[in-house]
């Protein structure tokens, strides 16, 4: 398995994985995914094996510790340093689940946070995923204000190691 930055040619495979991992209401649209590829390719990573994408992680740098719903609508280029690395999408292909792909992607994003002197990583997740993220070093900051997809989300934050 190799980790690399996203390419525009990855879009079709990414959309299949996105739709496997999220409900129709939660999933990024093709337009939103295209925008993420275009503007935040430096924080959009894919795990690949034999030219097949196993999973991906992406999100823009934000200046607040929690994700807001407007991030799912409009993306801007990332600043060089500072801010929080948000995770808008972390998904693994059904055929590659339970093989540690998500943990590897989170670890690589953690390395980028260290290298670029970000404050930490922030994401929202459903209640059943809170224990997974806690095992990965995140702290549960309670229920999010996000109403994305009509779901209850939890704010999860992992601060950069000093």
N, C-alpha and C. Protein backbone atom coordinates (compact mmCIF):
# COMPACT_ATOMS: atom_id res chain seq x y z
N UNK A 1 0.84 -1.19 0.00
CA UNK A 1 0.00 0.00 0.00
C UNK A 1 0.88 1.24 0.00
N UNK A 2 0.55 2.17 -0.87
CA UNK A 2 1.27 3.44 -0.89
C UNK A 2 0.29 4.57 -0.57
N UNK A 3 0.82 5.62 0.03
CA UNK A 3 0.04 6.83 0.30
C UNK A 3 0.55 7.92 -0.63
N UNK A 4 -0.37 8.66 -1.20
CA UNK A 4 0.02 9.75 -2.10
C UNK A 4 -1.06 10.82 -2.07
N UNK A 5 -0.72 11.97 -2.64
CA UNK A 5 -1.71 13.03 -2.79
C UNK A 5 -2.68 12.67 -3.91
N UNK A 6 -3.87 13.17 -3.79
CA UNK A 6 -4.93 12.90 -4.75
C UNK A 6 -4.58 13.46 -6.13
N UNK A 7 -5.15 12.84 -7.15
CA UNK A 7 -5.02 13.32 -8.54
C UNK A 7 -6.43 13.49 -9.11
N UNK A 8 -6.60 14.40 -10.06
CA UNK A 8 -7.93 14.56 -10.67
C UNK A 8 -8.47 13.27 -11.28
N UNK A 9 -7.58 12.41 -11.75
CA UNK A 9 -8.03 11.15 -12.36
C UNK A 9 -8.57 10.15 -11.34
N UNK A 10 -8.47 10.45 -10.05
CA UNK A 10 -8.97 9.57 -8.99
C UNK A 10 -10.46 9.73 -8.75
N UNK A 11 -11.06 10.76 -9.32
CA UNK A 11 -12.43 11.15 -8.96
C UNK A 11 -13.44 9.99 -9.00
N UNK A 12 -13.45 9.22 -10.07
CA UNK A 12 -14.46 8.16 -10.18
C UNK A 12 -14.33 7.12 -9.06
N UNK A 13 -13.10 6.68 -8.78
CA UNK A 13 -12.90 5.72 -7.69
C UNK A 13 -13.27 6.34 -6.34
N UNK A 14 -12.94 7.60 -6.15
CA UNK A 14 -13.26 8.28 -4.89
C UNK A 14 -14.77 8.35 -4.66
N UNK A 15 -15.51 8.63 -5.72
CA UNK A 15 -16.96 8.75 -5.58
C UNK A 15 -17.60 7.41 -5.22
N UNK A 16 -17.07 6.32 -5.72
CA UNK A 16 -17.59 4.99 -5.36
C UNK A 16 -17.37 4.75 -3.86
N UNK A 17 -16.18 5.04 -3.38
CA UNK A 17 -15.86 4.84 -1.96
C UNK A 17 -16.69 5.78 -1.10
N UNK A 18 -16.86 7.02 -1.54
CA UNK A 18 -17.67 8.00 -0.80
C UNK A 18 -19.10 7.48 -0.63
N UNK A 19 -19.66 6.94 -1.69
CA UNK A 19 -21.04 6.45 -1.64
C UNK A 19 -21.17 5.15 -0.85
N UNK A 20 -20.08 4.37 -0.76
CA UNK A 20 -20.08 3.18 0.08
C UNK A 20 -20.03 3.54 1.56
N UNK A 21 -19.38 4.67 1.87
CA UNK A 21 -19.13 5.03 3.26
C UNK A 21 -20.13 5.97 3.90
N UNK A 22 -20.90 6.66 3.09
CA UNK A 22 -21.81 7.68 3.62
C UNK A 22 -23.18 7.55 2.99
N UNK A 23 -24.20 7.98 3.71
CA UNK A 23 -25.54 8.00 3.14
C UNK A 23 -25.60 9.07 2.06
N UNK A 24 -26.64 9.04 1.27
CA UNK A 24 -26.83 10.03 0.21
C UNK A 24 -26.82 11.45 0.77
N UNK A 25 -27.43 11.65 1.94
CA UNK A 25 -27.48 12.98 2.57
C UNK A 25 -26.13 13.43 3.09
N UNK A 26 -25.29 12.49 3.52
CA UNK A 26 -23.99 12.81 4.10
C UNK A 26 -22.87 12.91 3.06
N UNK A 27 -22.98 12.16 1.99
CA UNK A 27 -21.89 12.03 1.02
C UNK A 27 -21.61 13.34 0.29
N UNK A 28 -20.34 13.55 0.00
CA UNK A 28 -19.95 14.70 -0.81
C UNK A 28 -20.46 14.49 -2.24
N UNK A 29 -20.85 15.57 -2.85
CA UNK A 29 -21.26 15.51 -4.26
C UNK A 29 -20.00 15.43 -5.13
N UNK A 30 -20.19 15.08 -6.37
CA UNK A 30 -19.08 15.04 -7.32
C UNK A 30 -18.45 16.43 -7.44
N UNK A 31 -19.28 17.47 -7.43
CA UNK A 31 -18.78 18.85 -7.51
C UNK A 31 -17.94 19.20 -6.29
N UNK A 32 -18.42 18.81 -5.10
CA UNK A 32 -17.67 19.10 -3.87
C UNK A 32 -16.34 18.35 -3.86
N UNK A 33 -16.37 17.11 -4.30
CA UNK A 33 -15.14 16.31 -4.33
C UNK A 33 -14.14 16.89 -5.34
N UNK A 34 -14.64 17.34 -6.48
CA UNK A 34 -13.79 17.98 -7.49
C UNK A 34 -13.14 19.23 -6.92
N UNK A 35 -13.91 20.00 -6.18
CA UNK A 35 -13.39 21.23 -5.57
C UNK A 35 -12.31 20.90 -4.54
N UNK A 36 -12.52 19.86 -3.75
CA UNK A 36 -11.51 19.45 -2.77
C UNK A 36 -10.22 19.02 -3.47
N UNK A 37 -10.35 18.26 -4.54
CA UNK A 37 -9.17 17.83 -5.29
C UNK A 37 -8.41 19.05 -5.82
N UNK A 38 -9.15 20.02 -6.32
CA UNK A 38 -8.55 21.21 -6.92
C UNK A 38 -7.89 22.12 -5.89
N UNK A 39 -8.57 22.36 -4.76
CA UNK A 39 -8.09 23.39 -3.83
C UNK A 39 -7.29 22.87 -2.64
N UNK A 40 -7.54 21.63 -2.21
CA UNK A 40 -6.83 21.14 -1.01
C UNK A 40 -6.11 19.82 -1.28
N UNK A 41 -5.54 19.71 -2.46
CA UNK A 41 -4.80 18.50 -2.81
C UNK A 41 -3.65 18.20 -1.87
N UNK A 42 -3.13 19.23 -1.19
CA UNK A 42 -2.03 19.03 -0.25
C UNK A 42 -2.49 18.33 1.03
N UNK A 43 -3.80 18.35 1.31
CA UNK A 43 -4.34 17.67 2.49
C UNK A 43 -5.46 16.71 2.08
N UNK A 44 -5.27 16.10 0.92
CA UNK A 44 -6.19 15.09 0.40
C UNK A 44 -5.32 13.92 -0.01
N UNK A 45 -5.32 12.88 0.81
CA UNK A 45 -4.44 11.73 0.61
C UNK A 45 -5.25 10.49 0.25
N UNK A 46 -4.66 9.65 -0.58
CA UNK A 46 -5.27 8.37 -0.91
C UNK A 46 -4.31 7.24 -0.57
N UNK A 47 -4.89 6.11 -0.18
CA UNK A 47 -4.14 4.87 0.02
C UNK A 47 -4.44 4.01 -1.19
N UNK A 48 -3.38 3.54 -1.82
CA UNK A 48 -3.55 2.84 -3.10
C UNK A 48 -2.73 1.56 -3.10
N UNK A 49 -3.27 0.54 -3.76
CA UNK A 49 -2.53 -0.69 -3.96
C UNK A 49 -2.87 -1.22 -5.35
N UNK A 50 -1.85 -1.46 -6.14
CA UNK A 50 -2.02 -1.96 -7.51
C UNK A 50 -2.97 -1.07 -8.33
N UNK A 51 -2.78 0.23 -8.21
CA UNK A 51 -3.58 1.24 -8.93
C UNK A 51 -5.06 1.26 -8.54
N UNK A 52 -5.38 0.66 -7.41
CA UNK A 52 -6.75 0.69 -6.90
C UNK A 52 -6.74 1.47 -5.59
N UNK A 53 -7.63 2.46 -5.48
CA UNK A 53 -7.70 3.26 -4.27
C UNK A 53 -8.45 2.46 -3.20
N UNK A 54 -7.79 2.29 -2.06
CA UNK A 54 -8.37 1.55 -0.94
C UNK A 54 -9.15 2.47 -0.01
N UNK A 55 -8.70 3.72 0.08
CA UNK A 55 -9.35 4.68 0.96
C UNK A 55 -8.74 6.05 0.78
N UNK A 56 -9.35 7.03 1.45
CA UNK A 56 -8.86 8.39 1.35
C UNK A 56 -9.19 9.17 2.61
N UNK A 57 -8.49 10.29 2.77
CA UNK A 57 -8.74 11.23 3.85
C UNK A 57 -8.55 12.63 3.28
N UNK A 58 -9.44 13.55 3.65
CA UNK A 58 -9.30 14.91 3.14
C UNK A 58 -9.96 15.92 4.07
N UNK A 59 -9.52 17.15 3.95
CA UNK A 59 -10.12 18.25 4.69
C UNK A 59 -9.26 19.49 4.60
N UNK A 60 -9.90 20.65 4.66
CA UNK A 60 -9.16 21.92 4.61
C UNK A 60 -8.61 22.31 5.98
N UNK A 61 -7.70 23.25 5.97
CA UNK A 61 -7.21 23.85 7.21
C UNK A 61 -8.23 24.91 7.62
N UNK A 62 -8.63 24.85 8.89
CA UNK A 62 -9.60 25.83 9.41
C UNK A 62 -8.99 26.53 10.62
N UNK A 63 -9.58 27.65 11.01
CA UNK A 63 -9.00 28.43 12.11
C UNK A 63 -9.71 28.23 13.43
N UNK A 64 -10.72 27.34 13.45
CA UNK A 64 -11.45 27.03 14.67
C UNK A 64 -11.26 25.55 14.99
N UNK A 65 -11.44 25.17 16.26
CA UNK A 65 -11.22 23.76 16.60
C UNK A 65 -12.34 22.81 16.19
N UNK A 66 -13.46 23.35 15.69
CA UNK A 66 -14.57 22.48 15.30
C UNK A 66 -15.03 22.74 13.87
N UNK A 67 -15.48 21.69 13.23
CA UNK A 67 -15.99 21.75 11.86
C UNK A 67 -17.36 22.42 11.84
N UNK A 68 -17.58 23.27 10.86
CA UNK A 68 -18.88 23.90 10.66
C UNK A 68 -19.44 23.45 9.31
N UNK A 69 -20.76 23.44 9.20
CA UNK A 69 -21.41 22.90 8.01
C UNK A 69 -21.05 23.62 6.72
N UNK A 70 -20.68 24.90 6.80
CA UNK A 70 -20.33 25.64 5.59
C UNK A 70 -19.12 25.04 4.88
N UNK A 71 -18.28 24.29 5.60
CA UNK A 71 -17.10 23.67 4.99
C UNK A 71 -17.48 22.62 3.95
N UNK A 72 -18.68 22.06 4.09
CA UNK A 72 -19.13 21.05 3.12
C UNK A 72 -19.60 21.70 1.83
N UNK A 73 -19.76 23.02 1.86
CA UNK A 73 -20.26 23.75 0.69
C UNK A 73 -19.16 24.43 -0.12
N UNK A 74 -18.20 25.06 0.57
CA UNK A 74 -17.19 25.88 -0.11
C UNK A 74 -15.82 25.63 0.50
N UNK A 75 -14.84 25.36 -0.35
CA UNK A 75 -13.48 25.07 0.08
C UNK A 75 -12.54 26.17 -0.44
N UNK A 76 -11.57 26.54 0.40
CA UNK A 76 -10.54 27.49 -0.01
C UNK A 76 -9.18 26.84 0.13
N UNK A 77 -8.20 27.41 -0.57
CA UNK A 77 -6.82 26.88 -0.49
C UNK A 77 -6.33 26.94 0.96
N UNK A 78 -5.46 26.00 1.29
CA UNK A 78 -4.90 25.92 2.64
C UNK A 78 -3.79 26.94 2.87
N UNK A 79 -3.72 27.50 4.09
CA UNK A 79 -2.56 28.34 4.43
C UNK A 79 -1.34 27.45 4.61
N UNK A 80 -0.16 28.01 4.53
CA UNK A 80 1.09 27.24 4.62
C UNK A 80 1.28 26.59 5.99
N UNK A 81 0.89 27.31 7.05
CA UNK A 81 1.07 26.76 8.40
C UNK A 81 -0.04 27.28 9.31
N UNK A 82 -0.09 26.70 10.52
CA UNK A 82 -1.09 27.10 11.49
C UNK A 82 -2.46 26.51 11.22
N UNK A 83 -3.41 26.84 12.09
CA UNK A 83 -4.78 26.36 11.95
C UNK A 83 -4.93 24.91 12.36
N UNK A 84 -6.13 24.42 12.19
CA UNK A 84 -6.47 23.03 12.49
C UNK A 84 -6.68 22.27 11.19
N UNK A 85 -6.16 21.07 11.14
CA UNK A 85 -6.43 20.19 10.00
C UNK A 85 -7.80 19.58 10.23
N UNK A 86 -8.76 19.94 9.40
CA UNK A 86 -10.07 19.32 9.53
C UNK A 86 -10.11 18.06 8.66
N UNK A 87 -10.96 17.13 9.05
CA UNK A 87 -11.19 15.94 8.26
C UNK A 87 -12.66 15.96 7.86
N UNK A 88 -12.92 16.25 6.59
CA UNK A 88 -14.29 16.23 6.09
C UNK A 88 -14.65 14.84 5.60
N UNK A 89 -13.66 14.09 5.16
CA UNK A 89 -13.91 12.76 4.65
C UNK A 89 -12.79 11.80 4.98
N UNK A 90 -13.15 10.68 5.55
CA UNK A 90 -12.25 9.55 5.75
C UNK A 90 -13.09 8.32 5.41
N UNK A 91 -12.75 7.67 4.34
CA UNK A 91 -13.55 6.51 3.92
C UNK A 91 -12.64 5.45 3.34
N UNK A 92 -13.05 4.21 3.55
CA UNK A 92 -12.30 3.06 3.06
C UNK A 92 -13.25 2.19 2.23
N UNK A 93 -12.76 1.72 1.12
CA UNK A 93 -13.52 0.84 0.25
C UNK A 93 -14.02 -0.37 1.03
N UNK A 94 -15.23 -0.81 0.73
CA UNK A 94 -15.79 -1.99 1.43
C UNK A 94 -14.84 -3.17 1.37
N UNK A 95 -14.16 -3.34 0.25
CA UNK A 95 -13.26 -4.49 0.08
C UNK A 95 -11.97 -4.37 0.88
N UNK A 96 -11.67 -3.17 1.41
CA UNK A 96 -10.41 -2.97 2.14
C UNK A 96 -10.63 -2.65 3.62
N UNK A 97 -11.85 -2.78 4.10
CA UNK A 97 -12.14 -2.45 5.50
C UNK A 97 -11.54 -3.47 6.46
N UNK A 98 -11.32 -3.00 7.69
CA UNK A 98 -10.76 -3.82 8.78
C UNK A 98 -9.35 -4.32 8.47
N UNK A 99 -8.61 -3.52 7.71
CA UNK A 99 -7.22 -3.87 7.39
C UNK A 99 -6.25 -2.77 7.84
N UNK A 100 -6.75 -1.80 8.61
CA UNK A 100 -5.89 -0.74 9.13
C UNK A 100 -5.68 0.44 8.20
N UNK A 101 -6.41 0.49 7.10
CA UNK A 101 -6.22 1.58 6.13
C UNK A 101 -6.55 2.94 6.75
N UNK A 102 -7.66 3.03 7.47
CA UNK A 102 -8.06 4.30 8.08
C UNK A 102 -7.00 4.78 9.08
N UNK A 103 -6.46 3.86 9.88
CA UNK A 103 -5.43 4.24 10.86
C UNK A 103 -4.17 4.75 10.16
N UNK A 104 -3.79 4.11 9.07
CA UNK A 104 -2.61 4.54 8.31
C UNK A 104 -2.84 5.96 7.75
N UNK A 105 -4.01 6.21 7.22
CA UNK A 105 -4.33 7.54 6.67
C UNK A 105 -4.34 8.59 7.78
N UNK A 106 -4.92 8.28 8.93
CA UNK A 106 -4.92 9.22 10.06
C UNK A 106 -3.50 9.50 10.53
N UNK A 107 -2.67 8.47 10.58
CA UNK A 107 -1.28 8.65 11.00
C UNK A 107 -0.53 9.58 10.04
N UNK A 108 -0.73 9.39 8.74
CA UNK A 108 -0.07 10.25 7.76
C UNK A 108 -0.55 11.69 7.90
N UNK A 109 -1.84 11.89 8.15
CA UNK A 109 -2.36 13.25 8.34
C UNK A 109 -1.76 13.87 9.59
N UNK A 110 -1.56 13.05 10.62
CA UNK A 110 -0.92 13.50 11.85
C UNK A 110 0.50 13.99 11.56
N UNK A 111 1.22 13.28 10.70
CA UNK A 111 2.57 13.70 10.31
C UNK A 111 2.53 15.06 9.61
N UNK A 112 1.54 15.27 8.74
CA UNK A 112 1.40 16.57 8.06
C UNK A 112 1.12 17.69 9.05
N UNK A 113 0.33 17.38 10.08
CA UNK A 113 0.03 18.37 11.13
C UNK A 113 1.33 18.78 11.82
N UNK A 114 2.17 17.80 12.15
CA UNK A 114 3.44 18.10 12.81
C UNK A 114 4.35 18.92 11.89
N UNK A 115 4.49 18.47 10.65
CA UNK A 115 5.39 19.14 9.70
C UNK A 115 4.99 20.59 9.43
N UNK A 116 3.69 20.84 9.39
CA UNK A 116 3.19 22.18 9.04
C UNK A 116 2.76 23.00 10.24
N UNK A 117 3.13 22.52 11.43
CA UNK A 117 2.87 23.23 12.68
C UNK A 117 1.41 23.66 12.82
N UNK A 118 0.52 22.72 12.56
CA UNK A 118 -0.91 22.95 12.76
C UNK A 118 -1.21 22.78 14.25
N UNK A 119 -2.37 23.31 14.70
CA UNK A 119 -2.78 23.18 16.10
C UNK A 119 -3.14 21.73 16.43
N UNK A 120 -3.71 21.05 15.46
CA UNK A 120 -4.14 19.67 15.68
C UNK A 120 -5.07 19.25 14.56
N UNK A 121 -5.79 18.15 14.80
CA UNK A 121 -6.75 17.63 13.83
C UNK A 121 -8.13 17.67 14.45
N UNK A 122 -9.12 18.07 13.66
CA UNK A 122 -10.50 18.08 14.12
C UNK A 122 -11.39 17.38 13.10
N UNK A 123 -12.36 16.65 13.61
CA UNK A 123 -13.32 15.97 12.75
C UNK A 123 -14.61 15.78 13.51
N UNK A 124 -15.64 15.40 12.78
CA UNK A 124 -16.89 14.98 13.41
C UNK A 124 -17.14 13.54 13.01
N UNK A 125 -17.77 12.80 13.91
CA UNK A 125 -18.10 11.41 13.61
C UNK A 125 -19.39 11.03 14.31
N UNK A 126 -19.95 9.92 13.87
CA UNK A 126 -21.15 9.38 14.51
C UNK A 126 -20.75 8.68 15.81
N UNK A 127 -21.72 8.54 16.69
CA UNK A 127 -21.47 7.98 18.02
C UNK A 127 -20.72 6.65 17.99
N UNK A 128 -21.09 5.78 17.04
CA UNK A 128 -20.46 4.45 17.01
C UNK A 128 -18.98 4.50 16.64
N UNK A 129 -18.51 5.61 16.07
CA UNK A 129 -17.10 5.72 15.70
C UNK A 129 -16.26 6.45 16.75
N UNK A 130 -16.90 6.99 17.80
CA UNK A 130 -16.15 7.69 18.85
C UNK A 130 -15.05 6.80 19.44
N UNK A 131 -15.33 5.54 19.82
CA UNK A 131 -14.26 4.69 20.39
C UNK A 131 -13.07 4.49 19.44
N UNK A 132 -13.33 4.34 18.15
CA UNK A 132 -12.24 4.19 17.17
C UNK A 132 -11.32 5.41 17.21
N UNK A 133 -11.92 6.61 17.15
CA UNK A 133 -11.10 7.81 17.13
C UNK A 133 -10.39 8.03 18.47
N UNK A 134 -11.03 7.66 19.56
CA UNK A 134 -10.37 7.77 20.86
C UNK A 134 -9.13 6.87 20.91
N UNK A 135 -9.21 5.67 20.32
CA UNK A 135 -8.05 4.78 20.25
C UNK A 135 -6.94 5.38 19.40
N UNK A 136 -7.31 6.27 18.48
CA UNK A 136 -6.33 6.93 17.62
C UNK A 136 -5.81 8.24 18.23
N UNK A 137 -6.16 8.50 19.49
CA UNK A 137 -5.63 9.67 20.20
C UNK A 137 -6.52 10.90 20.21
N UNK A 138 -7.72 10.80 19.67
CA UNK A 138 -8.64 11.94 19.67
C UNK A 138 -9.40 11.99 20.99
N UNK A 139 -9.83 13.20 21.34
CA UNK A 139 -10.68 13.40 22.52
C UNK A 139 -12.07 13.80 22.06
N UNK A 140 -13.06 13.24 22.73
CA UNK A 140 -14.45 13.56 22.43
C UNK A 140 -14.81 14.88 23.10
N UNK A 141 -15.16 15.87 22.31
CA UNK A 141 -15.56 17.18 22.83
C UNK A 141 -17.07 17.35 22.83
N UNK A 142 -17.80 16.26 22.72
CA UNK A 142 -19.26 16.31 22.82
C UNK A 142 -19.96 16.48 21.49
N UNK A 143 -21.27 16.65 21.57
CA UNK A 143 -22.11 16.76 20.38
C UNK A 143 -21.77 18.03 19.61
N UNK A 144 -21.64 17.88 18.31
CA UNK A 144 -21.33 18.99 17.41
C UNK A 144 -22.58 19.81 17.10
N UNK A 145 -22.37 21.06 16.72
CA UNK A 145 -23.47 21.90 16.23
C UNK A 145 -23.86 21.53 14.81
N UNK A 146 -23.06 20.71 14.17
CA UNK A 146 -23.30 20.34 12.78
C UNK A 146 -24.64 19.60 12.62
N UNK A 147 -25.34 19.98 11.57
CA UNK A 147 -26.59 19.29 11.22
C UNK A 147 -26.42 18.59 9.87
N UNK A 148 -25.19 18.45 9.41
CA UNK A 148 -24.89 17.88 8.10
C UNK A 148 -25.54 16.50 7.95
N UNK A 149 -26.30 16.32 6.91
CA UNK A 149 -26.92 15.04 6.62
C UNK A 149 -28.02 14.65 7.58
N UNK A 150 -28.42 15.57 8.48
CA UNK A 150 -29.49 15.28 9.43
C UNK A 150 -29.10 14.26 10.49
N UNK A 151 -27.80 14.20 10.82
CA UNK A 151 -27.26 13.21 11.75
C UNK A 151 -26.69 13.91 12.97
N UNK A 152 -26.64 13.21 14.11
CA UNK A 152 -25.96 13.72 15.30
C UNK A 152 -24.48 13.37 15.16
N UNK A 153 -23.65 14.40 15.21
CA UNK A 153 -22.20 14.24 15.07
C UNK A 153 -21.51 14.60 16.39
N UNK A 154 -20.33 14.04 16.59
CA UNK A 154 -19.52 14.34 17.77
C UNK A 154 -18.22 15.01 17.34
N UNK A 155 -17.86 16.07 18.06
CA UNK A 155 -16.60 16.77 17.81
C UNK A 155 -15.47 15.95 18.39
N UNK A 156 -14.49 15.62 17.56
CA UNK A 156 -13.32 14.87 17.99
C UNK A 156 -12.08 15.71 17.64
N UNK A 157 -11.21 15.91 18.62
CA UNK A 157 -10.04 16.75 18.42
C UNK A 157 -8.79 16.04 18.95
N UNK A 158 -7.74 16.15 18.17
CA UNK A 158 -6.44 15.63 18.58
C UNK A 158 -5.44 16.76 18.43
N UNK A 159 -4.91 17.25 19.55
CA UNK A 159 -3.96 18.36 19.49
C UNK A 159 -2.58 17.87 19.08
N UNK A 160 -1.85 18.76 18.42
CA UNK A 160 -0.48 18.44 17.97
C UNK A 160 0.40 18.22 19.19
N UNK A 161 1.27 17.25 19.08
CA UNK A 161 2.22 16.99 20.15
C UNK A 161 3.27 18.09 20.19
N UNK A 162 3.58 18.54 21.38
CA UNK A 162 4.55 19.64 21.55
C UNK A 162 5.96 19.17 21.31
